[in-house]
N, C-alpha and C. Protein backbone atom coordinates (compact mmCIF):
# COMPACT_ATOMS: atom_id res chain seq x y z
N MET A 1 -86.30 45.12 -1.96
CA MET A 1 -85.62 44.27 -1.28
C MET A 1 -84.92 45.24 -0.05
N MET A 2 -85.02 45.11 1.00
CA MET A 2 -84.24 45.79 1.97
C MET A 2 -82.96 45.17 2.30
N THR A 3 -81.88 46.02 2.33
CA THR A 3 -80.39 45.50 2.51
C THR A 3 -79.94 45.99 3.77
N GLN A 4 -79.06 45.37 4.49
CA GLN A 4 -78.46 45.59 5.66
C GLN A 4 -77.13 46.78 5.30
N PRO A 5 -76.99 47.83 6.22
CA PRO A 5 -75.83 48.47 5.91
C PRO A 5 -74.69 47.80 6.00
N ASP A 6 -73.50 48.32 5.47
CA ASP A 6 -72.23 47.55 5.71
C ASP A 6 -71.69 48.10 7.12
N LEU A 7 -70.45 48.09 7.20
CA LEU A 7 -69.64 48.29 8.60
C LEU A 7 -69.47 49.95 8.50
N PHE A 8 -69.53 50.49 7.21
CA PHE A 8 -69.51 51.95 7.38
C PHE A 8 -70.76 52.67 7.34
N GLY A 9 -71.97 51.86 7.48
CA GLY A 9 -73.40 52.69 7.32
C GLY A 9 -73.91 52.64 6.21
N HIS A 10 -73.21 52.37 4.96
CA HIS A 10 -73.65 52.40 3.61
C HIS A 10 -74.49 51.28 3.06
N GLU A 11 -75.76 51.47 2.61
CA GLU A 11 -76.47 50.55 2.04
C GLU A 11 -75.78 49.47 1.19
N ALA A 12 -76.02 48.07 1.65
CA ALA A 12 -75.41 47.23 0.65
C ALA A 12 -75.70 47.37 -0.73
N PRO A 13 -74.71 47.25 -1.63
CA PRO A 13 -75.25 47.04 -2.93
C PRO A 13 -76.04 45.89 -3.52
N GLY A 14 -76.85 46.44 -4.40
CA GLY A 14 -77.65 45.33 -4.82
C GLY A 14 -77.42 44.84 -6.15
N LYS A 15 -76.31 45.19 -6.70
CA LYS A 15 -75.78 44.60 -7.86
C LYS A 15 -74.26 44.27 -7.75
N GLU A 16 -74.03 43.16 -8.18
CA GLU A 16 -72.49 42.81 -8.14
C GLU A 16 -71.46 43.92 -8.64
N SER A 17 -71.85 44.58 -9.68
CA SER A 17 -71.07 45.65 -10.39
C SER A 17 -70.93 46.66 -9.30
N ALA A 18 -71.81 47.14 -8.64
CA ALA A 18 -72.03 48.11 -7.72
C ALA A 18 -71.11 47.89 -6.35
N LEU A 19 -71.19 46.44 -5.98
CA LEU A 19 -70.35 46.17 -5.00
C LEU A 19 -68.69 46.25 -5.52
N GLN A 20 -68.50 45.90 -6.50
CA GLN A 20 -67.15 45.68 -7.22
C GLN A 20 -66.80 47.37 -7.15
N ARG A 21 -67.45 48.22 -7.80
CA ARG A 21 -67.13 49.90 -7.69
C ARG A 21 -66.96 50.05 -6.32
N ALA A 22 -67.74 49.91 -5.24
CA ALA A 22 -67.50 50.27 -4.11
C ALA A 22 -66.22 49.84 -3.49
N VAL A 23 -65.88 48.56 -3.74
CA VAL A 23 -64.64 47.85 -3.27
C VAL A 23 -63.27 48.67 -3.86
N VAL A 24 -63.75 48.77 -5.05
CA VAL A 24 -62.35 49.51 -5.97
C VAL A 24 -62.13 50.83 -5.38
N LYS A 25 -63.33 51.66 -5.25
CA LYS A 25 -63.19 53.07 -4.69
C LYS A 25 -62.51 53.11 -3.38
N LEU A 26 -62.84 52.06 -2.37
CA LEU A 26 -62.20 52.11 -1.26
C LEU A 26 -60.71 51.87 -1.33
N LEU A 27 -60.43 50.75 -2.20
CA LEU A 27 -59.10 50.29 -2.28
C LEU A 27 -58.04 51.40 -2.76
N HIS A 28 -58.61 52.29 -3.71
CA HIS A 28 -57.82 53.16 -4.09
C HIS A 28 -57.10 54.08 -3.11
N GLY A 29 -57.60 54.19 -1.84
CA GLY A 29 -57.15 55.11 -1.01
C GLY A 29 -56.24 54.22 0.10
N ILE A 30 -56.32 53.04 0.15
CA ILE A 30 -55.75 52.18 1.26
C ILE A 30 -54.79 51.12 0.76
N LEU A 31 -54.82 50.77 -0.44
CA LEU A 31 -54.09 49.48 -1.06
C LEU A 31 -52.68 50.13 -1.12
N ARG A 32 -51.70 49.02 -0.62
CA ARG A 32 -50.33 49.29 -0.75
C ARG A 32 -49.91 49.81 -2.18
N PRO A 33 -48.85 51.09 -2.27
CA PRO A 33 -48.58 51.58 -3.32
C PRO A 33 -48.08 50.48 -4.45
N ASP A 34 -47.35 49.55 -3.96
CA ASP A 34 -46.53 48.44 -4.69
C ASP A 34 -47.27 47.63 -5.28
N VAL A 35 -48.75 47.62 -4.97
CA VAL A 35 -49.60 46.47 -5.44
C VAL A 35 -50.55 46.84 -6.58
N LEU A 36 -50.50 46.17 -7.64
CA LEU A 36 -51.28 46.60 -8.84
C LEU A 36 -52.73 45.84 -8.90
N MET A 37 -53.62 46.56 -8.66
CA MET A 37 -55.00 46.06 -8.93
C MET A 37 -55.59 46.14 -10.31
N ARG A 38 -56.21 45.17 -10.70
CA ARG A 38 -56.66 45.22 -12.11
C ARG A 38 -57.87 44.51 -12.09
N HIS A 39 -58.85 45.01 -13.10
CA HIS A 39 -60.14 44.21 -13.51
C HIS A 39 -59.90 43.81 -15.26
N ILE A 40 -60.36 42.64 -15.47
CA ILE A 40 -60.27 42.21 -16.89
C ILE A 40 -61.78 42.30 -17.30
N THR A 41 -62.13 42.95 -18.28
CA THR A 41 -63.49 43.12 -18.76
C THR A 41 -64.05 41.63 -19.19
N ALA A 42 -65.28 41.19 -18.77
CA ALA A 42 -65.64 39.95 -18.95
C ALA A 42 -66.23 39.63 -20.46
N GLY A 43 -66.84 40.68 -21.02
CA GLY A 43 -67.44 40.41 -22.19
C GLY A 43 -68.08 41.73 -23.07
N GLY A 44 -68.41 41.18 -24.20
CA GLY A 44 -69.10 42.34 -24.87
C GLY A 44 -70.55 42.39 -25.05
N ALA A 45 -71.06 43.36 -25.66
CA ALA A 45 -72.37 43.55 -25.66
C ALA A 45 -73.21 42.73 -26.50
N ASP A 46 -72.50 42.02 -27.55
CA ASP A 46 -73.19 41.21 -28.60
C ASP A 46 -72.25 40.06 -28.88
N ALA A 47 -72.78 39.07 -29.51
CA ALA A 47 -72.04 37.87 -29.76
C ALA A 47 -70.63 38.01 -30.57
N ARG A 48 -70.90 39.06 -31.41
CA ARG A 48 -69.81 39.33 -32.46
C ARG A 48 -68.47 39.97 -31.65
N THR A 49 -68.95 40.88 -30.77
CA THR A 49 -67.76 41.43 -29.88
C THR A 49 -67.22 40.53 -28.87
N GLY A 50 -67.97 39.40 -28.29
CA GLY A 50 -67.62 38.69 -27.37
C GLY A 50 -66.77 37.49 -28.12
N ALA A 51 -67.13 37.22 -29.54
CA ALA A 51 -66.18 36.46 -30.20
C ALA A 51 -64.80 36.83 -30.57
N LYS A 52 -64.81 38.31 -30.85
CA LYS A 52 -63.46 38.83 -31.00
C LYS A 52 -62.65 38.98 -29.97
N LEU A 53 -63.32 39.18 -28.55
CA LEU A 53 -62.64 39.42 -27.54
C LEU A 53 -61.98 37.97 -27.12
N LYS A 54 -62.68 36.79 -27.43
CA LYS A 54 -62.14 35.54 -27.08
C LYS A 54 -61.02 35.23 -28.06
N GLN A 55 -61.16 35.77 -29.12
CA GLN A 55 -59.93 35.64 -30.08
C GLN A 55 -58.99 36.43 -29.73
N MET A 56 -59.04 37.41 -29.02
CA MET A 56 -57.96 38.36 -28.43
C MET A 56 -57.23 37.90 -27.06
N GLY A 57 -57.72 36.72 -26.57
CA GLY A 57 -57.37 35.88 -25.31
C GLY A 57 -58.28 35.98 -24.16
N ARG A 58 -59.48 36.61 -24.22
CA ARG A 58 -60.32 36.69 -23.20
C ARG A 58 -60.59 35.29 -22.69
N LEU A 59 -60.61 35.20 -21.29
CA LEU A 59 -60.89 33.69 -20.47
C LEU A 59 -62.29 33.93 -19.95
N ALA A 60 -63.17 33.05 -20.22
CA ALA A 60 -64.22 32.94 -19.65
C ALA A 60 -64.14 32.77 -17.97
N GLY A 61 -64.93 33.46 -17.12
CA GLY A 61 -64.90 33.03 -15.77
C GLY A 61 -63.92 33.69 -14.90
N CYS A 62 -62.92 35.01 -15.45
CA CYS A 62 -62.04 35.21 -14.83
C CYS A 62 -62.40 35.89 -13.79
N ALA A 63 -61.50 36.07 -12.60
CA ALA A 63 -62.01 36.74 -11.26
C ALA A 63 -62.30 38.30 -11.62
N ASP A 64 -63.02 38.77 -10.83
CA ASP A 64 -63.71 40.21 -10.92
C ASP A 64 -62.41 41.24 -10.74
N LEU A 65 -61.51 40.83 -9.80
CA LEU A 65 -60.23 41.58 -9.66
C LEU A 65 -58.98 40.68 -9.58
N GLU A 66 -57.72 41.22 -9.88
CA GLU A 66 -56.54 40.68 -9.63
C GLU A 66 -55.59 41.72 -8.88
N PHE A 67 -54.94 41.09 -8.10
CA PHE A 67 -53.69 41.99 -7.42
C PHE A 67 -52.58 41.23 -7.55
N LEU A 68 -51.68 42.05 -8.12
CA LEU A 68 -50.25 41.57 -8.29
C LEU A 68 -49.18 42.55 -7.59
N TRP A 69 -48.24 41.84 -6.83
CA TRP A 69 -47.34 42.66 -6.00
C TRP A 69 -45.77 41.65 -6.06
N ARG A 70 -44.83 42.27 -5.63
CA ARG A 70 -43.49 41.39 -5.30
C ARG A 70 -43.47 41.30 -3.78
N GLU A 71 -42.95 39.94 -3.50
CA GLU A 71 -42.63 39.96 -2.22
C GLU A 71 -41.33 38.95 -2.10
N GLU A 72 -40.30 39.75 -1.48
CA GLU A 72 -38.95 38.87 -1.40
C GLU A 72 -38.75 38.44 -2.76
N ASN A 73 -38.78 39.35 -3.86
CA ASN A 73 -38.53 39.38 -5.33
C ASN A 73 -39.33 38.01 -5.97
N VAL A 74 -40.30 37.68 -5.58
CA VAL A 74 -41.12 36.89 -6.11
C VAL A 74 -42.48 37.65 -6.45
N LEU A 75 -42.76 37.35 -7.72
CA LEU A 75 -44.22 38.07 -8.06
C LEU A 75 -45.31 37.11 -7.31
N ARG A 76 -46.26 37.72 -6.88
CA ARG A 76 -47.53 37.19 -6.03
C ARG A 76 -48.81 37.57 -6.69
N VAL A 77 -49.70 37.07 -6.76
CA VAL A 77 -51.20 37.26 -7.48
C VAL A 77 -52.16 36.79 -6.33
N LEU A 78 -53.17 37.72 -6.28
CA LEU A 78 -54.32 37.25 -5.70
C LEU A 78 -55.48 37.45 -6.42
N PHE A 79 -56.37 36.49 -6.40
CA PHE A 79 -57.64 36.68 -7.29
C PHE A 79 -58.79 37.04 -6.26
N LEU A 80 -59.85 37.96 -6.83
CA LEU A 80 -60.81 38.34 -5.83
C LEU A 80 -62.08 38.32 -6.70
N GLU A 81 -62.97 37.22 -6.35
CA GLU A 81 -64.36 37.08 -6.97
C GLU A 81 -65.39 37.64 -6.09
N LEU A 82 -65.99 38.50 -6.43
CA LEU A 82 -67.24 39.39 -5.64
C LEU A 82 -68.43 38.58 -6.07
N LYS A 83 -69.32 38.23 -5.12
CA LYS A 83 -70.78 37.89 -5.40
C LYS A 83 -71.59 38.57 -4.32
N LEU A 84 -72.70 38.63 -4.72
CA LEU A 84 -73.81 39.01 -3.74
C LEU A 84 -74.15 37.91 -2.77
N PRO A 85 -74.40 38.10 -1.74
CA PRO A 85 -75.11 37.21 -0.73
C PRO A 85 -76.13 36.36 -1.35
N GLY A 86 -75.79 34.73 -1.31
CA GLY A 86 -76.72 33.88 -1.80
C GLY A 86 -76.18 33.73 -3.50
N ARG A 87 -75.62 34.33 -3.93
CA ARG A 87 -75.47 34.14 -5.41
C ARG A 87 -74.17 33.08 -5.40
N LYS A 88 -74.01 32.17 -6.50
CA LYS A 88 -72.98 31.12 -6.66
C LYS A 88 -72.38 31.50 -7.76
N GLN A 89 -71.21 30.94 -7.95
CA GLN A 89 -70.13 31.23 -9.00
C GLN A 89 -70.79 30.22 -9.91
N THR A 90 -70.33 30.70 -11.27
CA THR A 90 -70.85 30.14 -12.56
C THR A 90 -69.88 28.86 -12.70
N GLN A 91 -70.22 28.16 -13.56
CA GLN A 91 -69.28 26.78 -13.88
C GLN A 91 -68.00 27.39 -14.73
N SER A 92 -67.99 28.53 -15.39
CA SER A 92 -66.82 29.00 -15.91
C SER A 92 -65.88 29.65 -14.88
N GLN A 93 -66.52 30.20 -13.82
CA GLN A 93 -65.80 30.88 -12.68
C GLN A 93 -65.19 29.70 -11.86
N LEU A 94 -65.86 28.79 -11.69
CA LEU A 94 -65.24 27.44 -10.83
C LEU A 94 -64.22 26.91 -11.73
N ASP A 95 -64.33 26.92 -12.96
CA ASP A 95 -63.21 26.12 -13.70
C ASP A 95 -61.93 27.33 -13.75
N PHE A 96 -62.55 28.47 -13.88
CA PHE A 96 -61.07 29.44 -13.59
C PHE A 96 -60.40 29.36 -12.44
N MET A 97 -61.29 29.29 -11.23
CA MET A 97 -60.85 29.03 -9.87
C MET A 97 -59.63 27.72 -9.69
N ASP A 98 -60.23 26.80 -10.55
CA ASP A 98 -59.48 25.60 -10.18
C ASP A 98 -58.17 25.72 -10.95
N ARG A 99 -58.16 26.20 -12.07
CA ARG A 99 -57.01 26.62 -12.96
C ARG A 99 -55.95 27.58 -12.29
N VAL A 100 -56.34 28.61 -11.68
CA VAL A 100 -55.57 29.56 -10.78
C VAL A 100 -54.90 29.36 -9.60
N ARG A 101 -55.57 28.58 -8.98
CA ARG A 101 -55.26 28.29 -7.45
C ARG A 101 -53.93 27.98 -7.25
N PRO A 102 -53.16 27.10 -8.26
CA PRO A 102 -51.93 26.79 -8.18
C PRO A 102 -50.84 28.07 -8.26
N LEU A 103 -51.67 29.42 -8.48
CA LEU A 103 -50.67 30.38 -8.78
C LEU A 103 -50.85 31.16 -7.79
N GLY A 104 -51.87 31.24 -7.02
CA GLY A 104 -51.94 32.19 -5.77
C GLY A 104 -53.31 32.09 -5.24
N PRO A 105 -53.75 32.85 -4.24
CA PRO A 105 -54.95 32.55 -3.46
C PRO A 105 -56.20 33.20 -4.47
N TYR A 106 -57.30 32.42 -4.20
CA TYR A 106 -58.45 32.91 -4.80
C TYR A 106 -59.54 32.93 -3.96
N CYS A 107 -59.95 34.31 -3.64
CA CYS A 107 -60.97 34.63 -2.48
C CYS A 107 -62.31 35.05 -3.05
N VAL A 108 -63.37 34.13 -2.72
CA VAL A 108 -64.79 34.77 -2.91
C VAL A 108 -65.53 35.60 -1.86
N VAL A 109 -65.98 36.50 -1.94
CA VAL A 109 -66.15 37.51 -1.25
C VAL A 109 -67.66 38.06 -1.39
N THR A 110 -68.32 38.38 -0.45
CA THR A 110 -69.64 38.95 -0.67
C THR A 110 -70.03 40.18 0.00
N THR A 111 -69.18 40.91 0.80
CA THR A 111 -69.24 42.16 1.28
C THR A 111 -67.99 43.13 1.08
N ILE A 112 -68.03 44.12 1.38
CA ILE A 112 -66.71 45.09 1.36
C ILE A 112 -66.06 44.68 2.44
N GLU A 113 -66.48 44.34 3.72
CA GLU A 113 -65.86 43.77 4.93
C GLU A 113 -64.74 42.31 4.60
N GLU A 114 -65.76 41.43 3.97
CA GLU A 114 -64.84 40.47 3.50
C GLU A 114 -63.71 40.47 2.66
N ALA A 115 -64.12 41.49 1.69
CA ALA A 115 -62.98 41.80 0.75
C ALA A 115 -61.73 42.59 1.59
N LEU A 116 -61.99 43.43 2.31
CA LEU A 116 -61.00 44.16 3.28
C LEU A 116 -60.30 42.82 4.00
N ALA A 117 -60.79 42.08 4.59
CA ALA A 117 -60.42 40.90 5.41
C ALA A 117 -59.40 40.10 4.57
N ALA A 118 -59.79 39.51 3.44
CA ALA A 118 -58.79 39.07 2.38
C ALA A 118 -57.71 39.57 2.20
N LEU A 119 -57.76 40.68 1.63
CA LEU A 119 -56.71 41.65 1.30
C LEU A 119 -55.67 42.16 2.50
N THR A 120 -56.38 42.24 3.70
CA THR A 120 -55.52 42.38 4.67
C THR A 120 -54.73 41.10 5.38
N ALA A 121 -55.42 40.11 5.22
CA ALA A 121 -54.76 38.83 5.69
C ALA A 121 -53.44 38.53 4.64
N TYR A 122 -53.44 39.02 3.60
CA TYR A 122 -52.36 38.92 2.64
C TYR A 122 -51.36 40.23 2.58
N GLY A 123 -51.63 40.99 3.66
CA GLY A 123 -50.83 42.30 3.89
C GLY A 123 -50.89 43.11 2.62
N LEU A 124 -52.20 43.63 2.01
CA LEU A 124 -51.94 44.22 0.67
C LEU A 124 -52.49 45.54 1.21
N ILE A 125 -53.21 45.74 2.20
CA ILE A 125 -53.48 47.00 2.77
C ILE A 125 -52.32 47.97 3.42
N ALA A 126 -52.36 49.11 3.03
CA ALA A 126 -50.93 49.95 3.45
C ALA A 126 -50.99 49.95 4.90
N ALA A 127 -49.93 49.96 5.68
CA ALA A 127 -49.65 49.99 7.03
C ALA A 127 -50.07 51.61 7.53
N ASN A 128 -50.78 51.56 8.72
CA ASN A 128 -50.88 52.79 9.41
C ASN A 128 -51.99 53.71 8.66
N LEU A 129 -52.82 52.90 7.90
CA LEU A 129 -53.90 53.68 7.32
C LEU A 129 -55.24 53.40 7.93
N GLN A 130 -56.07 54.43 8.08
CA GLN A 130 -57.37 54.11 8.70
C GLN A 130 -58.29 53.96 7.50
N VAL A 131 -59.10 53.17 7.77
CA VAL A 131 -60.08 52.56 6.81
C VAL A 131 -61.27 53.67 6.53
N PRO A 132 -61.39 54.54 5.50
CA PRO A 132 -62.38 55.48 5.37
C PRO A 132 -63.57 55.08 5.58
N CYS A 133 -64.48 56.01 6.51
CA CYS A 133 -66.00 55.98 6.58
C CYS A 133 -66.96 56.34 5.58
């Protein structure tokens, strides 16, 4: 399957995990230093590990990335779900989105550019930084 290059001239990822790694790599250099970015591992390789993680508090459908920061002494959160173009959220992801939207923005993005636009819209990209190519 042929993919279109992104705005940096890189071939678009063919897997959601590749898209996430590309977004995280880029954000390490441009995210504001006071913003905490984290990923919550979704599951285990087998049913036993998955059951253990659920007992430990894992939630099905968690967003791929979470961003936490303080704004005027208030803790803020943004949830970022990464999907390849044409892919839809699972029911557990839709349920998680409904549950967390009262806490903060939940953005579904399909490209690096969309991820950058979402984070820029909420002021999470460091000022005066050039986006690397």
